[in-house]
């Protein structure tokens, strides 16, 4: 019995949602348990926003798994993943830019995120965090000569590409090679 092309699309989308959820949960767990708890690295506000983007992407992937949406629903979820992956890449890119500034141009450290959450309205918190601070410009960890925000730019861009692939995918049977409706 052969499958319909839209069934193949749904199966492929499901696999990507599982992979996306695993990646998001894994990255957040590594950030918290390894970098924060084991190495004692305190996340800067931009890092916290990147984690928030990962959590939202993970939520979209989780919805894709439990709801098992048809093609249009799957494309809407993929669009959400793409948007928050692009936002995460932009935030990580901002941090990379701050890390590459000459020392005399690095902004001064501002108040920490916990204080801002208590003292400022949400719009001012967003503005303050995205401007960055001295703590966001500090390179605390590198792997293969690449800083953590640079790795996050790469990870978010890969997520954008995968989500874009799900958005533009045509209904093609991977078993017969024929295009459906």
Protein backbone atom coordinates (compact mmCIF):
# COMPACT_ATOMS: atom_id res chain seq x y z
CA UNK A 1 0.00 0.00 0.00
CA UNK A 2 1.51 3.30 -1.04
CA UNK A 3 1.29 6.50 0.92
CA UNK A 4 -0.15 9.76 -0.27
CA UNK A 5 2.40 12.54 -0.82
CA UNK A 6 0.89 14.69 1.94
CA UNK A 7 1.39 11.81 4.39
CA UNK A 8 5.08 11.74 3.46
CA UNK A 9 5.32 15.49 4.06
CA UNK A 10 3.73 15.11 7.49
CA UNK A 11 6.14 12.29 8.41
CA UNK A 12 9.13 14.34 7.34
CA UNK A 13 7.86 17.40 9.21
CA UNK A 14 7.35 15.26 12.32
CA UNK A 15 10.96 14.10 12.18
CA UNK A 16 12.19 17.70 11.94
CA UNK A 17 9.98 18.74 14.86
CA UNK A 18 11.41 15.93 16.98
CA UNK A 19 14.94 16.94 15.98
CA UNK A 20 14.19 20.61 16.68
CA UNK A 21 12.74 19.84 20.09
CA UNK A 22 15.69 17.63 20.97
CA UNK A 23 18.14 20.34 19.84
CA UNK A 24 16.39 23.11 21.79
CA UNK A 25 16.02 21.12 24.99
CA UNK A 26 19.58 19.84 24.65
CA UNK A 27 21.05 23.30 24.11
CA UNK A 28 19.16 24.80 27.04
CA UNK A 29 20.17 21.87 29.28
CA UNK A 30 23.84 22.18 28.27
CA UNK A 31 23.72 25.94 28.83
CA UNK A 32 22.25 25.53 32.29
CA UNK A 33 23.87 22.38 33.65
CA UNK A 34 27.30 22.59 32.02
CA UNK A 35 28.08 26.25 31.42
CA UNK A 36 26.14 27.78 34.28
CA UNK A 37 26.33 25.13 37.01
CA UNK A 38 29.59 23.28 36.26
CA UNK A 39 31.75 26.06 34.82
CA UNK A 40 30.10 28.84 36.82
CA UNK A 41 29.53 31.11 33.81
CA UNK A 42 26.77 33.62 34.44
CA UNK A 43 24.59 34.25 31.38
CA UNK A 44 24.41 37.84 30.20
CA UNK A 45 21.04 39.38 29.23
CA UNK A 46 21.60 38.66 25.52
CA UNK A 47 22.32 35.01 26.40
CA UNK A 48 19.05 34.87 28.33
CA UNK A 49 17.16 36.21 25.31
CA UNK A 50 18.82 33.57 23.12
CA UNK A 51 17.68 30.90 25.57
CA UNK A 52 14.17 32.36 25.44
CA UNK A 53 14.22 32.06 21.64
CA UNK A 54 15.33 28.42 21.98
CA UNK A 55 12.50 27.77 24.44
CA UNK A 56 9.93 29.30 22.06
CA UNK A 57 11.33 27.31 19.12
CA UNK A 58 11.15 24.20 21.30
CA UNK A 59 7.51 25.02 22.09
CA UNK A 60 6.68 25.29 18.37
CA UNK A 61 8.40 21.94 17.77
CA UNK A 62 6.54 20.39 20.70
CA UNK A 63 3.23 21.62 19.25
CA UNK A 64 4.23 20.09 15.92
CA UNK A 65 4.75 16.76 17.66
CA UNK A 66 1.61 16.62 19.80
CA UNK A 67 -0.83 18.22 17.35
CA UNK A 68 0.41 16.33 14.26
CA UNK A 69 -0.79 19.15 12.00
CA UNK A 70 -1.59 18.71 8.35
CA UNK A 71 0.37 20.60 5.74
CA UNK A 72 -0.91 24.15 6.42
CA UNK A 73 -0.62 23.80 10.20
CA UNK A 74 2.86 22.38 9.82
CA UNK A 75 3.85 25.30 7.61
CA UNK A 76 2.52 27.77 10.21
CA UNK A 77 4.60 26.10 12.90
CA UNK A 78 7.63 26.09 10.60
CA UNK A 79 7.08 29.81 10.03
CA UNK A 80 7.09 30.39 13.80
CA UNK A 81 10.30 28.39 14.11
CA UNK A 82 11.83 30.40 11.28
CA UNK A 83 10.85 33.77 12.81
CA UNK A 84 12.20 32.98 16.28
CA UNK A 85 15.32 31.38 14.81
CA UNK A 86 15.95 34.58 12.85
CA UNK A 87 15.36 36.66 16.00
CA UNK A 88 17.76 34.41 17.92
CA UNK A 89 20.36 34.73 15.15
CA UNK A 90 20.01 38.52 15.24
CA UNK A 91 20.43 38.61 19.03
CA UNK A 92 23.44 36.29 18.88
CA UNK A 93 24.82 38.36 15.99
CA UNK A 94 24.49 41.49 18.11
CA UNK A 95 26.49 39.79 20.85
CA UNK A 96 29.17 38.71 18.36
CA UNK A 97 29.38 42.32 17.18
CA UNK A 98 29.78 43.52 20.80
CA UNK A 99 32.51 40.94 21.38
CA UNK A 100 34.49 42.21 18.39
CA UNK A 101 34.36 45.88 19.39
CA UNK A 102 37.62 47.53 20.44
CA UNK A 103 37.91 47.68 24.24
CA UNK A 104 37.38 51.45 24.35
CA UNK A 105 34.07 51.18 22.45
CA UNK A 106 32.46 48.44 24.57
CA UNK A 107 29.38 49.80 26.39
CA UNK A 108 29.52 49.99 30.16
CA UNK A 109 27.84 47.30 32.20
CA UNK A 110 24.26 48.15 33.01
CA UNK A 111 21.95 46.75 35.66
CA UNK A 112 21.38 43.00 35.66
CA UNK A 113 18.26 41.47 34.13
CA UNK A 114 16.63 40.69 37.50
CA UNK A 115 16.83 44.35 38.56
CA UNK A 116 15.51 45.54 35.20
CA UNK A 117 12.53 43.15 35.43
CA UNK A 118 11.55 44.74 38.75
CA UNK A 119 12.30 48.37 37.94
CA UNK A 120 11.60 48.95 34.23
CA UNK A 121 8.63 48.52 31.90
CA UNK A 122 8.96 45.64 29.43
CA UNK A 123 9.66 47.89 26.42
CA UNK A 124 12.60 49.53 28.20
CA UNK A 125 13.98 46.12 29.23
CA UNK A 126 13.97 44.98 25.59
CA UNK A 127 15.69 48.19 24.46
CA UNK A 128 18.31 48.04 27.22
CA UNK A 129 19.13 44.37 26.65
CA UNK A 130 19.39 44.66 22.86
CA UNK A 131 21.76 47.62 23.21
CA UNK A 132 24.04 45.26 25.06
CA UNK A 133 26.42 45.90 27.90
CA UNK A 134 29.99 45.20 28.87
CA UNK A 135 29.15 41.78 30.26
CA UNK A 136 27.69 40.76 26.87
CA UNK A 137 30.96 41.76 25.17
CA UNK A 138 33.08 39.45 27.32
CA UNK A 139 34.13 36.17 25.67
CA UNK A 140 33.73 33.64 28.49
CA UNK A 141 34.12 30.40 26.53
CA UNK A 142 35.40 29.20 23.16
CA UNK A 143 35.42 25.91 21.30
CA UNK A 144 37.67 25.55 18.26
CA UNK A 145 38.38 29.29 18.53
CA UNK A 146 34.68 30.14 18.14
CA UNK A 147 32.80 31.90 20.95
CA UNK A 148 29.45 30.74 22.29
CA UNK A 149 27.43 33.49 20.54
CA UNK A 150 29.15 32.64 17.25
CA UNK A 151 28.09 29.01 17.69
CA UNK A 152 24.56 30.20 18.45
CA UNK A 153 24.46 32.26 15.24
CA UNK A 154 25.36 29.09 13.33
CA UNK A 155 22.76 27.00 15.18
CA UNK A 156 20.00 29.57 14.66
CA UNK A 157 20.86 29.93 10.95
CA UNK A 158 20.66 26.13 10.53
CA UNK A 159 17.23 26.23 12.21
CA UNK A 160 16.14 29.00 9.81
CA UNK A 161 17.26 26.89 6.83
CA UNK A 162 15.43 23.79 8.10
CA UNK A 163 12.25 25.77 8.78
CA UNK A 164 12.50 27.42 5.37
CA UNK A 165 12.87 23.98 3.80
CA UNK A 166 9.64 22.88 5.50
CA UNK A 167 7.92 26.05 4.32
CA UNK A 168 8.78 25.64 0.65
CA UNK A 169 8.56 21.85 0.46
CA UNK A 170 6.22 20.49 -2.17
CA UNK A 171 4.15 17.40 -1.62
CA UNK A 172 6.42 14.80 -3.16
CA UNK A 173 6.38 11.16 -2.32
CA UNK A 174 9.79 10.07 -1.11
CA UNK A 175 8.79 6.52 -1.97
CA UNK A 176 7.63 6.98 -5.56
CA UNK A 177 9.29 10.29 -6.45
CA UNK A 178 6.01 11.61 -7.87
CA UNK A 179 4.50 14.96 -6.98
CA UNK A 180 1.03 15.03 -5.52
CA UNK A 181 -1.67 17.63 -5.61
